[in-house]
Amino acid sequence: MTDDPQLLAPSDLDRRVAYVKTIRGLYRNERIAGLVGSLVGVLLLIWGRQGQGAPAWVVPVAFLVIGAAWTLFAYVIIRRTRYVRAHPFDPQS
């Protein structure tokens, strides 16, 4: 099979678009949680380093939150890769 969109039949192209949309939709909540966690961690880090009167525990907690968020991103990447390997695109399906 070829990956050239001009050579694919319209139904094959529609199937490929649906397949890509399915993959993009996988673990959406986890990706959003990772993004929000990263933003919260950065805001905590800015407040802990720049803010007057910020408690001493804020900076380590900020690093932990950022690390947890990036771990969540890595988890999503691994899970989506496993899904794609288990369910490769097949235009005949």
PDB file of N, CA and C in Angstrom:
ATOM      1  N   MET A   1       0.842  -1.186   0.000  1.00  0.00           N
ATOM      2  CA  MET A   1       0.000   0.000   0.000  1.00  0.00           C
ATOM      3  C   MET A   1       0.878   1.237   0.000  1.00  0.00           C
ATOM      4  N   THR A   2       0.363   2.266  -0.536  1.00  0.00           N
ATOM      5  CA  THR A   2       1.088   3.529  -0.594  1.00  0.00           C
ATOM      6  C   THR A   2       0.493   4.518   0.397  1.00  0.00           C
ATOM      7  N   ASP A   3       1.284   5.456   0.808  1.00  0.00           N
ATOM      8  CA  ASP A   3       0.813   6.485   1.732  1.00  0.00           C
ATOM      9  C   ASP A   3       0.484   7.780   1.009  1.00  0.00           C
ATOM     10  N   ASP A   4       0.581   7.790  -0.304  1.00  0.00           N
ATOM     11  CA  ASP A   4       0.297   8.991  -1.077  1.00  0.00           C
ATOM     12  C   ASP A   4      -1.209   9.245  -1.090  1.00  0.00           C
ATOM     13  N   PRO A   5      -1.688  10.369  -0.539  1.00  0.00           N
ATOM     14  CA  PRO A   5      -3.128  10.621  -0.464  1.00  0.00           C
ATOM     15  C   PRO A   5      -3.791  10.720  -1.832  1.00  0.00           C
ATOM     16  N   GLN A   6      -3.039  11.106  -2.863  1.00  0.00           N
ATOM     17  CA  GLN A   6      -3.636  11.245  -4.181  1.00  0.00           C
ATOM     18  C   GLN A   6      -3.925   9.892  -4.808  1.00  0.00           C
ATOM     19  N   LEU A   7      -3.202   8.858  -4.411  1.00  0.00           N
ATOM     20  CA  LEU A   7      -3.387   7.541  -4.988  1.00  0.00           C
ATOM     21  C   LEU A   7      -4.393   6.697  -4.223  1.00  0.00           C
ATOM     22  N   LEU A   8      -4.766   7.117  -3.033  1.00  0.00           N
ATOM     23  CA  LEU A   8      -5.741   6.377  -2.240  1.00  0.00           C
ATOM     24  C   LEU A   8      -7.145   6.677  -2.719  1.00  0.00           C
ATOM     25  N   ALA A   9      -7.980   5.669  -2.665  1.00  0.00           N
ATOM     26  CA  ALA A   9      -9.390   5.883  -2.986  1.00  0.00           C
ATOM     27  C   ALA A   9     -10.004   6.742  -1.882  1.00  0.00           C
ATOM     28  N   PRO A  10     -11.068   7.490  -2.196  1.00  0.00           N
ATOM     29  CA  PRO A  10     -11.682   8.340  -1.159  1.00  0.00           C
ATOM     30  C   PRO A  10     -12.103   7.567   0.074  1.00  0.00           C
ATOM     31  N   SER A  11     -12.588   6.339  -0.092  1.00  0.00           N
ATOM     32  CA  SER A  11     -12.995   5.577   1.086  1.00  0.00           C
ATOM     33  C   SER A  11     -11.778   5.206   1.933  1.00  0.00           C
ATOM     34  N   ASP A  12     -10.636   4.902   1.282  1.00  0.00           N
ATOM     35  CA  ASP A  12      -9.418   4.607   2.037  1.00  0.00           C
ATOM     36  C   ASP A  12      -8.925   5.841   2.788  1.00  0.00           C
ATOM     37  N   LEU A  13      -9.040   6.982   2.146  1.00  0.00           N
ATOM     38  CA  LEU A  13      -8.624   8.222   2.787  1.00  0.00           C
ATOM     39  C   LEU A  13      -9.518   8.526   3.984  1.00  0.00           C
ATOM     40  N   ASP A  14     -10.816   8.283   3.841  1.00  0.00           N
ATOM     41  CA  ASP A  14     -11.735   8.497   4.957  1.00  0.00           C
ATOM     42  C   ASP A  14     -11.413   7.554   6.110  1.00  0.00           C
ATOM     43  N   ARG A  15     -11.082   6.313   5.787  1.00  0.00           N
ATOM     44  CA  ARG A  15     -10.728   5.353   6.833  1.00  0.00           C
ATOM     45  C   ARG A  15      -9.445   5.772   7.556  1.00  0.00           C
ATOM     46  N   ARG A  16      -8.476   6.269   6.784  1.00  0.00           N
ATOM     47  CA  ARG A  16      -7.223   6.714   7.397  1.00  0.00           C
ATOM     48  C   ARG A  16      -7.465   7.917   8.310  1.00  0.00           C
ATOM     49  N   VAL A  17      -8.308   8.844   7.865  1.00  0.00           N
ATOM     50  CA  VAL A  17      -8.625  10.014   8.689  1.00  0.00           C
ATOM     51  C   VAL A  17      -9.324   9.571   9.970  1.00  0.00           C
ATOM     52  N   ALA A  18     -10.242   8.629   9.861  1.00  0.00           N
ATOM     53  CA  ALA A  18     -10.931   8.127  11.056  1.00  0.00           C
ATOM     54  C   ALA A  18      -9.953   7.426  11.992  1.00  0.00           C
ATOM     55  N   TYR A  19      -9.009   6.686  11.436  1.00  0.00           N
ATOM     56  CA  TYR A  19      -7.993   6.003  12.237  1.00  0.00           C
ATOM     57  C   TYR A  19      -7.128   7.010  12.988  1.00  0.00           C
ATOM     58  N   VAL A  20      -6.697   8.051  12.308  1.00  0.00           N
ATOM     59  CA  VAL A  20      -5.870   9.079  12.942  1.00  0.00           C
ATOM     60  C   VAL A  20      -6.657   9.804  14.029  1.00  0.00           C
ATOM     61  N   LYS A  21      -7.933  10.085  13.769  1.00  0.00           N
ATOM     62  CA  LYS A  21      -8.756  10.739  14.795  1.00  0.00           C
ATOM     63  C   LYS A  21      -8.923   9.851  16.010  1.00  0.00           C
ATOM     64  N   THR A  22      -9.055   8.548  15.777  1.00  0.00           N
ATOM     65  CA  THR A  22      -9.162   7.611  16.899  1.00  0.00           C
ATOM     66  C   THR A  22      -7.898   7.642  17.741  1.00  0.00           C
ATOM     67  N   ILE A  23      -6.752   7.629  17.084  1.00  0.00           N
ATOM     68  CA  ILE A  23      -5.482   7.643  17.819  1.00  0.00           C
ATOM     69  C   ILE A  23      -5.316   8.954  18.580  1.00  0.00           C
ATOM     70  N   ARG A  24      -5.675  10.053  17.948  1.00  0.00           N
ATOM     71  CA  ARG A  24      -5.552  11.342  18.637  1.00  0.00           C
ATOM     72  C   ARG A  24      -6.491  11.442  19.837  1.00  0.00           C
ATOM     73  N   GLY A  25      -7.600  10.743  19.809  1.00  0.00           N
ATOM     74  CA  GLY A  25      -8.557  10.786  20.903  1.00  0.00           C
ATOM     75  C   GLY A  25      -8.194   9.904  22.080  1.00  0.00           C
ATOM     76  N   LEU A  26      -7.229   9.002  21.880  1.00  0.00           N
ATOM     77  CA  LEU A  26      -6.846   8.105  22.960  1.00  0.00           C
ATOM     78  C   LEU A  26      -6.180   8.880  24.097  1.00  0.00           C
ATOM     79  N   TYR A  27      -6.591   8.585  25.307  1.00  0.00           N
ATOM     80  CA  TYR A  27      -5.985   9.139  26.519  1.00  0.00           C
ATOM     81  C   TYR A  27      -5.989  10.668  26.528  1.00  0.00           C
ATOM     82  N   ARG A  28      -7.055  11.236  25.999  1.00  0.00           N
ATOM     83  CA  ARG A  28      -7.169  12.694  25.954  1.00  0.00           C
ATOM     84  C   ARG A  28      -7.204  13.290  27.363  1.00  0.00           C
ATOM     85  N   ASN A  29      -7.949  12.660  28.266  1.00  0.00           N
ATOM     86  CA  ASN A  29      -8.043  13.198  29.636  1.00  0.00           C
ATOM     87  C   ASN A  29      -6.688  13.183  30.334  1.00  0.00           C
ATOM     88  N   GLU A  30      -5.912  12.132  30.099  1.00  0.00           N
ATOM     89  CA  GLU A  30      -4.587  12.054  30.716  1.00  0.00           C
ATOM     90  C   GLU A  30      -3.657  13.135  30.149  1.00  0.00           C
ATOM     91  N   ARG A  31      -3.766  13.383  28.852  1.00  0.00           N
ATOM     92  CA  ARG A  31      -2.930  14.441  28.259  1.00  0.00           C
ATOM     93  C   ARG A  31      -3.309  15.804  28.808  1.00  0.00           C
ATOM     94  N   ILE A  32      -4.608  16.057  28.955  1.00  0.00           N
ATOM     95  CA  ILE A  32      -5.048  17.340  29.510  1.00  0.00           C
ATOM     96  C   ILE A  32      -4.605  17.468  30.965  1.00  0.00           C
ATOM     97  N   ALA A  33      -4.682  16.361  31.713  1.00  0.00           N
ATOM     98  CA  ALA A  33      -4.222  16.391  33.103  1.00  0.00           C
ATOM     99  C   ALA A  33      -2.722  16.677  33.169  1.00  0.00           C
ATOM    100  N   GLY A  34      -1.952  16.122  32.244  1.00  0.00           N
ATOM    101  CA  GLY A  34      -0.517  16.398  32.197  1.00  0.00           C
ATOM    102  C   GLY A  34      -0.236  17.855  31.879  1.00  0.00           C
ATOM    103  N   LEU A  35      -1.005  18.417  30.959  1.00  0.00           N
ATOM    104  CA  LEU A  35      -0.821  19.827  30.614  1.00  0.00           C
ATOM    105  C   LEU A  35      -1.176  20.729  31.795  1.00  0.00           C
ATOM    106  N   VAL A  36      -2.300  20.452  32.422  1.00  0.00           N
ATOM    107  CA  VAL A  36      -2.715  21.262  33.570  1.00  0.00           C
ATOM    108  C   VAL A  36      -1.714  21.107  34.717  1.00  0.00           C
ATOM    109  N   GLY A  37      -1.241  19.882  34.933  1.00  0.00           N
ATOM    110  CA  GLY A  37      -0.245  19.655  35.972  1.00  0.00           C
ATOM    111  C   GLY A  37       1.043  20.419  35.711  1.00  0.00           C
ATOM    112  N   SER A  38       1.466  20.440  34.448  1.00  0.00           N
ATOM    113  CA  SER A  38       2.668  21.199  34.107  1.00  0.00           C
ATOM    114  C   SER A  38       2.477  22.688  34.369  1.00  0.00           C
ATOM    115  N   LEU A  39       1.334  23.199  33.983  1.00  0.00           N
ATOM    116  CA  LEU A  39       1.070  24.622  34.208  1.00  0.00           C
ATOM    117  C   LEU A  39       0.997  24.956  35.693  1.00  0.00           C
ATOM    118  N   VAL A  40       0.339  24.108  36.463  1.00  0.00           N
ATOM    119  CA  VAL A  40       0.255  24.343  37.910  1.00  0.00           C
ATOM    120  C   VAL A  40       1.653  24.282  38.532  1.00  0.00           C
ATOM    121  N   GLY A  41       2.449  23.302  38.104  1.00  0.00           N
ATOM    122  CA  GLY A  41       3.810  23.192  38.627  1.00  0.00           C
ATOM    123  C   GLY A  41       4.657  24.409  38.301  1.00  0.00           C
ATOM    124  N   VAL A  42       4.535  24.919  37.076  1.00  0.00           N
ATOM    125  CA  VAL A  42       5.300  26.111  36.691  1.00  0.00           C
ATOM    126  C   VAL A  42       4.836  27.322  37.491  1.00  0.00           C
ATOM    127  N   LEU A  43       3.533  27.448  37.673  1.00  0.00           N
ATOM    128  CA  LEU A  43       3.030  28.574  38.473  1.00  0.00           C
ATOM    129  C   LEU A  43       3.515  28.479  39.919  1.00  0.00           C
ATOM    130  N   LEU A  44       3.513  27.274  40.475  1.00  0.00           N
ATOM    131  CA  LEU A  44       4.045  27.102  41.831  1.00  0.00           C
ATOM    132  C   LEU A  44       5.538  27.445  41.881  1.00  0.00           C
ATOM    133  N   LEU A  45       6.261  27.034  40.855  1.00  0.00           N
ATOM    134  CA  LEU A  45       7.696  27.317  40.813  1.00  0.00           C
ATOM    135  C   LEU A  45       7.955  28.813  40.719  1.00  0.00           C
ATOM    136  N   ILE A  46       7.208  29.500  39.901  1.00  0.00           N
ATOM    137  CA  ILE A  46       7.359  30.958  39.789  1.00  0.00           C
ATOM    138  C   ILE A  46       7.017  31.626  41.110  1.00  0.00           C
ATOM    139  N   TRP A  47       5.931  31.195  41.726  1.00  0.00           N
ATOM    140  CA  TRP A  47       5.535  31.782  43.005  1.00  0.00           C
ATOM    141  C   TRP A  47       6.584  31.492  44.084  1.00  0.00           C
ATOM    142  N   GLY A  48       7.114  30.276  44.099  1.00  0.00           N
ATOM    143  CA  GLY A  48       8.103  29.908  45.119  1.00  0.00           C
ATOM    144  C   GLY A  48       9.421  30.634  44.967  1.00  0.00           C
ATOM    145  N   ARG A  49       9.795  30.949  43.733  1.00  0.00           N
ATOM    146  CA  ARG A  49      11.091  31.609  43.518  1.00  0.00           C
ATOM    147  C   ARG A  49      10.993  33.122  43.462  1.00  0.00           C
ATOM    148  N   GLN A  50       9.888  33.645  42.980  1.00  0.00           N
ATOM    149  CA  GLN A  50       9.770  35.085  42.788  1.00  0.00           C
ATOM    150  C   GLN A  50       8.883  35.762  43.838  1.00  0.00           C
ATOM    151  N   GLY A  51       7.950  35.014  44.391  1.00  0.00           N
ATOM    152  CA  GLY A  51       6.984  35.622  45.311  1.00  0.00           C
ATOM    153  C   GLY A  51       7.559  35.889  46.681  1.00  0.00           C
ATOM    154  N   GLN A  52       7.121  36.995  47.250  1.00  0.00           N
ATOM    155  CA  GLN A  52       7.523  37.341  48.600  1.00  0.00           C
ATOM    156  C   GLN A  52       6.673  36.552  49.589  1.00  0.00           C
ATOM    157  N   GLY A  53       7.305  35.951  50.569  1.00  0.00           N
ATOM    158  CA  GLY A  53       6.585  35.242  51.617  1.00  0.00           C
ATOM    159  C   GLY A  53       6.096  33.867  51.220  1.00  0.00           C
ATOM    160  N   ALA A  54       6.614  33.298  50.140  1.00  0.00           N
ATOM    161  CA  ALA A  54       6.216  31.950  49.741  1.00  0.00           C
ATOM    162  C   ALA A  54       6.881  30.938  50.675  1.00  0.00           C
ATOM    163  N   PRO A  55       6.146  29.917  51.084  1.00  0.00           N
ATOM    164  CA  PRO A  55       6.741  28.904  51.963  1.00  0.00           C
ATOM    165  C   PRO A  55       7.901  28.175  51.276  1.00  0.00           C
ATOM    166  N   ALA A  56       8.786  27.622  52.069  1.00  0.00           N
ATOM    167  CA  ALA A  56       9.967  26.945  51.529  1.00  0.00           C
ATOM    168  C   ALA A  56       9.616  25.645  50.809  1.00  0.00           C
ATOM    169  N   TRP A  57       8.488  25.033  51.138  1.00  0.00           N
ATOM    170  CA  TRP A  57       8.120  23.752  50.547  1.00  0.00           C
ATOM    171  C   TRP A  57       7.554  23.890  49.129  1.00  0.00           C
ATOM    172  N   VAL A  58       7.289  25.107  48.671  1.00  0.00           N
ATOM    173  CA  VAL A  58       6.621  25.296  47.383  1.00  0.00           C
ATOM    174  C   VAL A  58       7.510  24.851  46.213  1.00  0.00           C
ATOM    175  N   VAL A  59       8.785  25.184  46.238  1.00  0.00           N
ATOM    176  CA  VAL A  59       9.671  24.858  45.115  1.00  0.00           C
ATOM    177  C   VAL A  59       9.837  23.343  44.951  1.00  0.00           C
ATOM    178  N   PRO A  60      10.112  22.577  46.015  1.00  0.00           N
ATOM    179  CA  PRO A  60      10.197  21.121  45.819  1.00  0.00           C
ATOM    180  C   PRO A  60       8.878  20.495  45.350  1.00  0.00           C
ATOM    181  N   VAL A  61       7.778  21.008  45.872  1.00  0.00           N
ATOM    182  CA  VAL A  61       6.475  20.497  45.431  1.00  0.00           C
ATOM    183  C   VAL A  61       6.243  20.834  43.963  1.00  0.00           C
ATOM    184  N   ALA A  62       6.672  22.005  43.548  1.00  0.00           N
ATOM    185  CA  ALA A  62       6.528  22.392  42.139  1.00  0.00           C
ATOM    186  C   ALA A  62       7.308  21.437  41.246  1.00  0.00           C
ATOM    187  N   PHE A  63       8.526  21.099  41.632  1.00  0.00           N
ATOM    188  CA  PHE A  63       9.308  20.147  40.839  1.00  0.00           C
ATOM    189  C   PHE A  63       8.646  18.770  40.810  1.00  0.00           C
ATOM    190  N   LEU A  64       8.067  18.349  41.920  1.00  0.00           N
ATOM    191  CA  LEU A  64       7.363  17.070  41.952  1.00  0.00           C
ATOM    192  C   LEU A  64       6.140  17.084  41.041  1.00  0.00           C
ATOM    193  N   VAL A  65       5.383  18.171  41.042  1.00  0.00           N
ATOM    194  CA  VAL A  65       4.199  18.276  40.191  1.00  0.00           C
ATOM    195  C   VAL A  65       4.599  18.265  38.718  1.00  0.00           C
ATOM    196  N   ILE A  66       5.635  19.010  38.377  1.00  0.00           N
ATOM    197  CA  ILE A  66       6.108  19.030  36.985  1.00  0.00           C
ATOM    198  C   ILE A  66       6.603  17.641  36.571  1.00  0.00           C
ATOM    199  N   GLY A  67       7.342  16.985  37.444  1.00  0.00           N
ATOM    200  CA  GLY A  67       7.820  15.636  37.146  1.00  0.00           C
ATOM    201  C   GLY A  67       6.688  14.640  36.969  1.00  0.00           C
ATOM    202  N   ALA A  68       5.667  14.740  37.824  1.00  0.00           N
ATOM    203  CA  ALA A  68       4.512  13.845  37.699  1.00  0.00           C
ATOM    204  C   ALA A  68       3.762  14.108  36.395  1.00  0.00           C
ATOM    205  N   ALA A  69       3.642  15.369  36.006  1.00  0.00           N
ATOM    206  CA  ALA A  69       2.946  15.699  34.768  1.00  0.00           C
ATOM    207  C   ALA A  69       3.697  15.155  33.563  1.00  0.00           C
ATOM    208  N   TRP A  70       5.009  15.283  33.560  1.00  0.00           N
ATOM    209  CA  TRP A  70       5.789  14.753  32.434  1.00  0.00           C
ATOM    210  C   TRP A  70       5.795  13.232  32.429  1.00  0.00           C
ATOM    211  N   THR A  71       5.734  12.620  33.594  1.00  0.00           N
ATOM    212  CA  THR A  71       5.593  11.167  33.667  1.00  0.00           C
ATOM    213  C   THR A  71       4.268  10.734  33.058  1.00  0.00           C
ATOM    214  N   LEU A  72       3.231  11.512  33.296  1.00  0.00           N
ATOM    215  CA  LEU A  72       1.930  11.233  32.692  1.00  0.00           C
ATOM    216  C   LEU A  72       1.997  11.366  31.174  1.00  0.00           C
ATOM    217  N   PHE A  73       2.696  12.367  30.670  1.00  0.00           N
ATOM    218  CA  PHE A  73       2.891  12.505  29.222  1.00  0.00           C
ATOM    219  C   PHE A  73       3.605  11.280  28.650  1.00  0.00           C
ATOM    220  N   ALA A  74       4.657  10.821  29.330  1.00  0.00           N
ATOM    221  CA  ALA A  74       5.393   9.648  28.859  1.00  0.00           C
ATOM    222  C   ALA A  74       4.506   8.408  28.864  1.00  0.00           C
ATOM    223  N   TYR A  75       3.665   8.275  29.889  1.00  0.00           N
ATOM    224  CA  TYR A  75       2.720   7.161  29.974  1.00  0.00           C
ATOM    225  C   TYR A  75       1.778   7.163  28.770  1.00  0.00           C
ATOM    226  N   VAL A  76       1.267   8.335  28.422  1.00  0.00           N
ATOM    227  CA  VAL A  76       0.351   8.441  27.281  1.00  0.00           C
ATOM    228  C   VAL A  76       1.069   8.073  25.990  1.00  0.00           C
ATOM    229  N   ILE A  77       2.293   8.518  25.824  1.00  0.00           N
ATOM    230  CA  ILE A  77       3.043   8.190  24.608  1.00  0.00           C
ATOM    231  C   ILE A  77       3.246   6.682  24.505  1.00  0.00           C
ATOM    232  N   ILE A  78       3.607   6.048  25.596  1.00  0.00           N
ATOM    233  CA  ILE A  78       3.828   4.604  25.586  1.00  0.00           C
ATOM    234  C   ILE A  78       2.532   3.866  25.286  1.00  0.00           C
ATOM    235  N   ARG A  79       1.440   4.271  25.934  1.00  0.00           N
ATOM    236  CA  ARG A  79       0.158   3.590  25.703  1.00  0.00           C
ATOM    237  C   ARG A  79      -0.340   3.768  24.282  1.00  0.00           C
ATOM    238  N   ARG A  80      -0.195   4.955  23.719  1.00  0.00           N
ATOM    239  CA  ARG A  80      -0.630   5.173  22.338  1.00  0.00           C
ATOM    240  C   ARG A  80       0.238   4.395  21.357  1.00  0.00           C
ATOM    241  N   THR A  81       1.533   4.310  21.629  1.00  0.00           N
ATOM    242  CA  THR A  81       2.406   3.524  20.772  1.00  0.00           C
ATOM    243  C   THR A  81       2.028   2.053  20.812  1.00  0.00           C
ATOM    244  N   ARG A  82       1.712   1.552  21.985  1.00  0.00           N
ATOM    245  CA  ARG A  82       1.264   0.161  22.100  1.00  0.00           C
ATOM    246  C   ARG A  82      -0.040  -0.058  21.342  1.00  0.00           C
ATOM    247  N   TYR A  83      -0.948   0.888  21.408  1.00  0.00           N
ATOM    248  CA  TYR A  83      -2.215   0.762  20.691  1.00  0.00           C
ATOM    249  C   TYR A  83      -1.973   0.711  19.181  1.00  0.00           C
ATOM    250  N   VAL A  84      -1.113   1.597  18.684  1.00  0.00           N
ATOM    251  CA  VAL A  84      -0.852   1.644  17.244  1.00  0.00           C
ATOM    252  C   VAL A  84      -0.187   0.357  16.779  1.00  0.00           C
ATOM    253  N   ARG A  85       0.716  -0.184  17.576  1.00  0.00           N
ATOM    254  CA  ARG A  85       1.362  -1.438  17.193  1.00  0.00           C
ATOM    255  C   ARG A  85       0.383  -2.602  17.226  1.00  0.00           C
ATOM    256  N   ALA A  86      -0.560  -2.581  18.142  1.00  0.00           N
ATOM    257  CA  ALA A  86      -1.554  -3.656  18.233  1.00  0.00           C
ATOM    258  C   ALA A  86      -2.660  -3.498  17.196  1.00  0.00           C
ATOM    259  N   HIS A  87      -2.925  -2.278  16.736  1.00  0.00           N
ATOM    260  CA  HIS A  87      -3.993  -1.989  15.782  1.00  0.00           C
ATOM    261  C   HIS A  87      -3.444  -1.173  14.617  1.00  0.00           C
ATOM    262  N   PRO A  88      -2.618  -1.774  13.764  1.00  0.00           N
ATOM    263  CA  PRO A  88      -2.074  -1.010  12.642  1.00  0.00           C
ATOM    264  C   PRO A  88      -3.183  -0.639  11.657  1.00  0.00           C
ATOM    265  N   PHE A  89      -2.924   0.394  10.873  1.00  0.00           N
ATOM    266  CA  PHE A  89      -3.912   0.833   9.889  1.00  0.00           C
ATOM    267  C   PHE A  89      -4.033  -0.221   8.803  1.00  0.00           C
ATOM    268  N   ASP A  90      -5.272  -0.652   8.557  1.00  0.00           N
ATOM    269  CA  ASP A  90      -5.564  -1.606   7.493  1.00  0.00           C
ATOM    270  C   ASP A  90      -6.718  -1.060   6.667  1.00  0.00           C
ATOM    271  N   PRO A  91      -6.476  -0.630   5.443  1.00  0.00           N
ATOM    272  CA  PRO A  91      -7.552  -0.053   4.646  1.00  0.00           C
ATOM    273  C   PRO A  91      -8.629  -1.066   4.265  1.00  0.00           C
ATOM    274  N   GLN A  92      -8.345  -2.353   4.420  1.00  0.00           N
ATOM    275  CA  GLN A  92      -9.323  -3.378   4.060  1.00  0.00           C
ATOM    276  C   GLN A  92     -10.313  -3.655   5.183  1.00  0.00           C
ATOM    277  N   SER A  93     -10.052  -3.134   6.375  1.00  0.00           N
ATOM    278  CA  SER A  93     -10.963  -3.418   7.486  1.00  0.00           C
ATOM    279  C   SER A  93     -12.178  -2.535   7.469  1.00  0.00           C
TER     280      SER A  93
END
